[in-house]
C-alpha atoms as a PDB file:
ATOM      1  CA  UNK A   1      -7.275  -2.366   5.714  1.00  0.00           C
ATOM      2  CA  UNK A   2      -8.037  -3.591   2.566  1.00  0.00           C
ATOM      3  CA  UNK A   3      -6.973  -3.023  -0.734  1.00  0.00           C
ATOM      4  CA  UNK A   4      -8.497  -4.275  -4.068  1.00  0.00           C
ATOM      5  CA  UNK A   5      -8.920  -2.645  -8.174  1.00  0.00           C
ATOM      6  CA  UNK A   6     -10.322   0.349  -6.603  1.00  0.00           C
ATOM      7  CA  UNK A   7      -8.066   1.339  -3.602  1.00  0.00           C
ATOM      8  CA  UNK A   8      -6.813   1.544   0.215  1.00  0.00           C
ATOM      9  CA  UNK A   9     -10.277   1.039   2.866  1.00  0.00           C
ATOM     10  CA  UNK A  10      -9.411   1.654   5.897  1.00  0.00           C
ATOM     11  CA  UNK A  11     -11.849   0.584   9.155  1.00  0.00           C
ATOM     12  CA  UNK A  12     -11.731   1.272  12.023  1.00  0.00           C
ATOM     13  CA  UNK A  13     -14.087   0.896  15.249  1.00  0.00           C
ATOM     14  CA  UNK A  14     -15.171   4.924  15.009  1.00  0.00           C
ATOM     15  CA  UNK A  15     -14.408   5.329  11.621  1.00  0.00           C
ATOM     16  CA  UNK A  16     -14.264   4.464   7.850  1.00  0.00           C
ATOM     17  CA  UNK A  17     -11.340   5.744   5.147  1.00  0.00           C
ATOM     18  CA  UNK A  18     -11.171   5.040   1.487  1.00  0.00           C
ATOM     19  CA  UNK A  19      -8.691   6.007  -1.177  1.00  0.00           C
ATOM     20  CA  UNK A  20      -8.811   6.233  -4.561  1.00  0.00           C
ATOM     21  CA  UNK A  21      -5.519   4.730  -6.592  1.00  0.00           C
ATOM     22  CA  UNK A  22      -5.655   7.926  -7.444  1.00  0.00           C
ATOM     23  CA  UNK A  23      -4.290   9.367  -4.447  1.00  0.00           C
ATOM     24  CA  UNK A  24      -1.301   7.598  -4.644  1.00  0.00           C
ATOM     25  CA  UNK A  25       2.251   8.555  -6.313  1.00  0.00           C
ATOM     26  CA  UNK A  26       4.740   5.577  -5.823  1.00  0.00           C
ATOM     27  CA  UNK A  27       5.165   2.065  -3.227  1.00  0.00           C
ATOM     28  CA  UNK A  28       8.503   0.627  -2.018  1.00  0.00           C
ATOM     29  CA  UNK A  29       8.539  -2.982  -0.609  1.00  0.00           C
ATOM     30  CA  UNK A  30      10.871  -3.674   2.001  1.00  0.00           C
ATOM     31  CA  UNK A  31      11.790  -7.275   3.505  1.00  0.00           C
ATOM     32  CA  UNK A  32       9.363  -6.231   6.521  1.00  0.00           C
ATOM     33  CA  UNK A  33       6.951  -3.870   4.905  1.00  0.00           C
ATOM     34  CA  UNK A  34       5.462  -2.480   1.738  1.00  0.00           C
ATOM     35  CA  UNK A  35       5.094   1.961   2.427  1.00  0.00           C
ATOM     36  CA  UNK A  36       2.424   3.501  -0.016  1.00  0.00           C
ATOM     37  CA  UNK A  37       3.351   7.814  -0.607  1.00  0.00           C
ATOM     38  CA  UNK A  38       1.123   9.874  -1.475  1.00  0.00           C
ATOM     39  CA  UNK A  39       4.005  12.068  -1.997  1.00  0.00           C
ATOM     40  CA  UNK A  40       7.598  10.802  -3.756  1.00  0.00           C
ATOM     41  CA  UNK A  41       8.103  12.348   0.298  1.00  0.00           C
ATOM     42  CA  UNK A  42       4.995  11.661   2.531  1.00  0.00           C
ATOM     43  CA  UNK A  43       4.701   8.204   3.216  1.00  0.00           C
ATOM     44  CA  UNK A  44       0.496   7.460   4.192  1.00  0.00           C
ATOM     45  CA  UNK A  45       0.589   3.460   4.774  1.00  0.00           C
ATOM     46  CA  UNK A  46       2.669   1.074   6.237  1.00  0.00           C
ATOM     47  CA  UNK A  47       1.513  -2.296   5.086  1.00  0.00           C
ATOM     48  CA  UNK A  48       3.508  -4.596   7.534  1.00  0.00           C
ATOM     49  CA  UNK A  49       4.234  -8.027   5.834  1.00  0.00           C
ATOM     50  CA  UNK A  50       4.506  -9.804   9.358  1.00  0.00           C
ATOM     51  CA  UNK A  51       0.028 -10.151   9.435  1.00  0.00           C
ATOM     52  CA  UNK A  52      -0.018 -11.334   5.377  1.00  0.00           C
ATOM     53  CA  UNK A  53      -0.379 -14.720   4.595  1.00  0.00           C
ATOM     54  CA  UNK A  54       2.163 -15.708   1.675  1.00  0.00           C
ATOM     55  CA  UNK A  55      -0.647 -15.338  -0.684  1.00  0.00           C
ATOM     56  CA  UNK A  56      -1.365 -12.473   0.459  1.00  0.00           C
ATOM     57  CA  UNK A  57       1.686 -11.181   0.057  1.00  0.00           C
ATOM     58  CA  UNK A  58       1.853 -12.067  -3.534  1.00  0.00           C
ATOM     59  CA  UNK A  59      -2.199 -10.690  -3.718  1.00  0.00           C
ATOM     60  CA  UNK A  60      -1.051  -7.055  -2.923  1.00  0.00           C
ATOM     61  CA  UNK A  61       2.601  -6.863  -4.832  1.00  0.00           C
ATOM     62  CA  UNK A  62       0.845  -7.692  -8.088  1.00  0.00           C
ATOM     63  CA  UNK A  63      -2.299  -4.964  -7.391  1.00  0.00           C
ATOM     64  CA  UNK A  64       0.695  -2.566  -6.254  1.00  0.00           C
ATOM     65  CA  UNK A  65       2.562  -2.807  -9.801  1.00  0.00           C
ATOM     66  CA  UNK A  66      -0.048  -2.578 -11.742  1.00  0.00           C
ATOM     67  CA  UNK A  67      -1.502   0.501 -10.309  1.00  0.00           C
ATOM     68  CA  UNK A  68       1.740   2.647  -8.549  1.00  0.00           C
ATOM     69  CA  UNK A  69       4.924   3.162 -10.175  1.00  0.00           C
ATOM     70  CA  UNK A  70       8.185   1.499  -7.419  1.00  0.00           C
ATOM     71  CA  UNK A  71       9.913   3.930  -5.309  1.00  0.00           C
ATOM     72  CA  UNK A  72      13.883   4.217  -5.967  1.00  0.00           C
ATOM     73  CA  UNK A  73      16.858   4.543  -3.906  1.00  0.00           C
ATOM     74  CA  UNK A  74      16.662   6.781  -0.144  1.00  0.00           C
ATOM     75  CA  UNK A  75      15.243   4.953   2.073  1.00  0.00           C
END
Protein backbone atom coordinates (compact mmCIF):
# COMPACT_ATOMS: atom_id res chain seq x y z
CA UNK A 1 0.00 0.00 0.00
CA UNK A 2 1.20 3.47 -0.79
CA UNK A 3 -0.45 6.76 0.08
CA UNK A 4 0.45 10.05 -1.58
CA UNK A 5 -1.04 13.33 -2.79
CA UNK A 6 -2.99 11.58 -5.58
CA UNK A 7 -4.63 8.84 -3.48
CA UNK A 8 -4.12 5.28 -2.25
CA UNK A 9 -2.52 2.54 -4.33
CA UNK A 10 -2.69 -1.16 -3.45
CA UNK A 11 -0.34 -3.66 -5.10
CA UNK A 12 -0.65 -7.41 -4.51
CA UNK A 13 1.05 -10.31 -6.30
CA UNK A 14 -1.74 -10.64 -8.89
CA UNK A 15 -3.15 -7.15 -9.17
CA UNK A 16 -3.01 -3.43 -8.69
CA UNK A 17 -5.70 -0.93 -7.60
CA UNK A 18 -5.49 2.83 -7.47
CA UNK A 19 -8.02 5.10 -5.72
CA UNK A 20 -8.15 8.89 -6.10
CA UNK A 21 -8.92 10.88 -2.96
CA UNK A 22 -12.36 11.74 -4.32
CA UNK A 23 -13.33 8.06 -3.81
CA UNK A 24 -13.17 8.55 -0.03
CA UNK A 25 -15.42 10.53 2.28
CA UNK A 26 -13.65 10.56 5.64
CA UNK A 27 -11.10 8.91 7.92
CA UNK A 28 -10.82 8.02 11.57
CA UNK A 29 -7.69 7.57 13.62
CA UNK A 30 -7.74 5.15 16.53
CA UNK A 31 -5.01 4.23 18.98
CA UNK A 32 -3.87 1.36 16.76
CA UNK A 33 -4.93 2.22 13.20
CA UNK A 34 -6.29 4.56 10.56
CA UNK A 35 -9.67 3.76 8.98
CA UNK A 36 -10.48 5.24 5.56
CA UNK A 37 -14.14 5.36 4.47
CA UNK A 38 -15.88 5.38 1.08
CA UNK A 39 -19.15 6.30 2.82
CA UNK A 40 -20.17 7.16 6.37
CA UNK A 41 -20.79 3.47 7.13
CA UNK A 42 -18.26 1.68 4.92
CA UNK A 43 -14.61 1.27 5.93
CA UNK A 44 -12.58 0.84 2.75
CA UNK A 45 -9.12 0.53 4.23
CA UNK A 46 -7.83 -0.33 7.66
CA UNK A 47 -4.19 0.73 8.03
CA UNK A 48 -2.54 -0.63 11.20
CA UNK A 49 -0.02 1.68 12.84
CA UNK A 50 2.14 -1.26 13.91
CA UNK A 51 3.44 -1.63 10.33
CA UNK A 52 4.61 2.01 10.17
CA UNK A 53 7.42 4.02 11.70
CA UNK A 54 6.60 7.08 13.81
CA UNK A 55 7.57 9.30 10.85
CA UNK A 56 5.25 7.38 8.51
CA UNK A 57 2.37 7.71 10.99
CA UNK A 58 2.88 11.49 11.14
CA UNK A 59 3.10 11.72 7.36
CA UNK A 60 -0.09 9.69 6.86
CA UNK A 61 -1.90 11.72 9.53
CA UNK A 62 -0.93 14.93 7.71
CA UNK A 63 -2.06 13.67 4.30
CA UNK A 64 -5.39 12.44 5.69
CA UNK A 65 -6.05 15.74 7.49
CA UNK A 66 -5.51 17.66 4.26
CA UNK A 67 -7.49 15.32 1.98
CA UNK A 68 -10.38 14.00 4.12
CA UNK A 69 -12.73 14.97 6.92
CA UNK A 70 -12.16 13.33 10.28
CA UNK A 71 -15.03 11.02 11.31
CA UNK A 72 -16.67 11.77 14.64
CA UNK A 73 -18.11 9.29 17.17
CA UNK A 74 -20.00 6.06 16.73
CA UNK A 75 -17.05 3.76 16.08
